[in-house]
Amino acid sequence: MKIEGLDELSKKLDKLAKNAEGLDGSHTVSMTDILTPGFISEHTRFANADELFEASGFKCHSQEAFEAIPEAELDKFIQSESSFSSWQEMLGAAGREWAIGKLGL
């Protein structure tokens, strides 16, 4: 009895292991890398993160300005414009999608 496809499966598993090694440890990933247009358009009525933040009315021109946004107000906006209950929930989901993409799944 001969089993077909084991070489291909082995190559895919080797690639997955290599990609997983690349994700090991801590990483700094920009919001624009995580909040891709595909993610934003799938989960909101906006085409990209720029449109989302522009519609929010919050000043997001710098990291400091973004961090100054009251979290409760940002959560309320995210609740009204997406299926997520908070900014952190949305960011977490986007981060998981980013990691899955990096794994090549």
Protein backbone atom coordinates (compact mmCIF):
# COMPACT_ATOMS: atom_id res chain seq x y z
CA MET A 1 0.00 0.00 0.00
CA LYS A 2 1.40 3.39 -1.04
CA ILE A 3 0.25 6.61 0.59
CA GLU A 4 0.31 9.62 -1.72
CA GLY A 5 0.96 13.22 -0.66
CA LEU A 6 3.15 12.70 2.41
CA ASP A 7 6.06 14.60 0.86
CA GLU A 8 3.81 17.58 0.18
CA LEU A 9 2.37 17.43 3.71
CA SER A 10 5.86 17.26 5.16
CA LYS A 11 6.93 20.35 3.19
CA LYS A 12 3.85 22.27 4.37
CA LEU A 13 4.49 21.30 7.99
CA ASP A 14 8.13 22.34 7.70
CA LYS A 15 7.07 25.73 6.32
CA LEU A 16 4.50 26.15 9.11
CA ALA A 17 7.15 25.34 11.72
CA LYS A 18 9.56 27.85 10.19
CA ASN A 19 6.85 30.55 10.10
CA ALA A 20 5.96 29.79 13.73
CA GLU A 21 9.60 30.24 14.74
CA GLY A 22 9.47 33.69 13.17
CA LEU A 23 6.55 34.62 15.44
CA ASP A 24 8.23 33.38 18.62
CA GLY A 25 8.91 36.06 21.22
CA SER A 26 7.74 39.65 21.38
CA HIS A 27 7.02 41.73 18.31
CA THR A 28 6.14 45.33 17.69
CA VAL A 29 3.63 45.54 14.88
CA SER A 30 2.14 48.79 13.63
CA MET A 31 -1.60 49.33 13.77
CA THR A 32 -1.63 49.79 10.00
CA ASP A 33 -0.12 46.30 9.57
CA ILE A 34 -2.76 44.76 11.83
CA LEU A 35 -5.79 46.83 10.78
CA THR A 36 -5.59 45.89 7.12
CA PRO A 37 -8.12 47.20 4.62
CA GLY A 38 -9.46 43.65 4.33
CA PHE A 39 -10.02 43.37 8.07
CA ILE A 40 -11.60 46.83 8.35
CA SER A 41 -13.90 46.35 5.36
CA GLU A 42 -14.96 42.92 6.63
CA HIS A 43 -15.85 44.15 10.12
CA THR A 44 -17.02 47.74 9.53
CA ARG A 45 -18.66 49.86 6.85
CA PHE A 46 -15.31 51.53 6.09
CA ALA A 47 -12.74 50.63 3.44
CA ASN A 48 -9.69 51.11 5.66
CA ALA A 49 -8.45 52.27 9.07
CA ASP A 50 -7.98 55.86 7.89
CA GLU A 51 -11.68 56.11 7.02
CA LEU A 52 -12.65 54.48 10.31
CA PHE A 53 -10.62 56.91 12.40
CA GLU A 54 -11.65 59.91 10.31
CA ALA A 55 -15.31 59.06 10.95
CA SER A 56 -14.62 58.70 14.68
CA GLY A 57 -13.85 62.40 15.03
CA PHE A 58 -10.93 61.57 17.31
CA LYS A 59 -7.54 63.14 16.70
CA CYS A 60 -5.26 60.30 15.61
CA HIS A 61 -2.41 62.20 13.97
CA SER A 62 0.20 60.79 16.37
CA GLN A 63 0.68 57.97 18.84
CA GLU A 64 0.35 60.44 21.71
CA ALA A 65 -2.91 61.86 20.34
CA PHE A 66 -4.31 58.37 19.87
CA GLU A 67 -3.36 57.36 23.41
CA ALA A 68 -5.12 60.47 24.75
CA ILE A 69 -8.51 59.27 23.41
CA PRO A 70 -10.71 58.18 26.33
CA GLU A 71 -11.00 54.41 26.06
CA ALA A 72 -14.71 54.41 26.93
CA GLU A 73 -15.45 56.81 24.04
CA LEU A 74 -13.36 54.76 21.62
CA ASP A 75 -15.13 51.59 22.78
CA LYS A 76 -18.51 53.24 22.23
CA PHE A 77 -17.52 54.22 18.69
CA ILE A 78 -16.20 50.72 17.90
CA GLN A 79 -19.42 49.18 19.28
CA SER A 80 -21.50 51.41 17.01
CA GLU A 81 -19.44 50.75 13.88
CA SER A 82 -18.50 47.08 14.19
CA SER A 83 -19.50 43.77 15.71
CA PHE A 84 -16.87 44.20 18.42
CA SER A 85 -17.72 45.29 21.95
CA SER A 86 -14.49 47.22 22.49
CA TRP A 87 -11.38 48.59 20.83
CA GLN A 88 -9.26 45.93 22.55
CA GLU A 89 -11.53 43.16 21.25
CA MET A 90 -11.23 44.54 17.71
CA LEU A 91 -7.45 44.92 17.99
CA GLY A 92 -7.14 41.39 19.39
CA ALA A 93 -9.13 39.92 16.51
CA ALA A 94 -7.03 41.85 14.00
CA GLY A 95 -3.86 40.64 15.72
CA ARG A 96 -5.00 37.03 15.52
CA GLU A 97 -5.73 37.42 11.80
CA TRP A 98 -2.29 38.99 11.31
CA ALA A 99 -0.60 36.07 13.13
CA ILE A 100 -2.56 33.49 11.13
CA GLY A 101 -1.46 35.24 7.94
CA LYS A 102 2.16 35.20 9.06
CA LEU A 103 1.88 31.48 9.76
CA GLY A 104 0.71 30.97 6.21
CA LEU A 105 -2.57 29.34 7.17
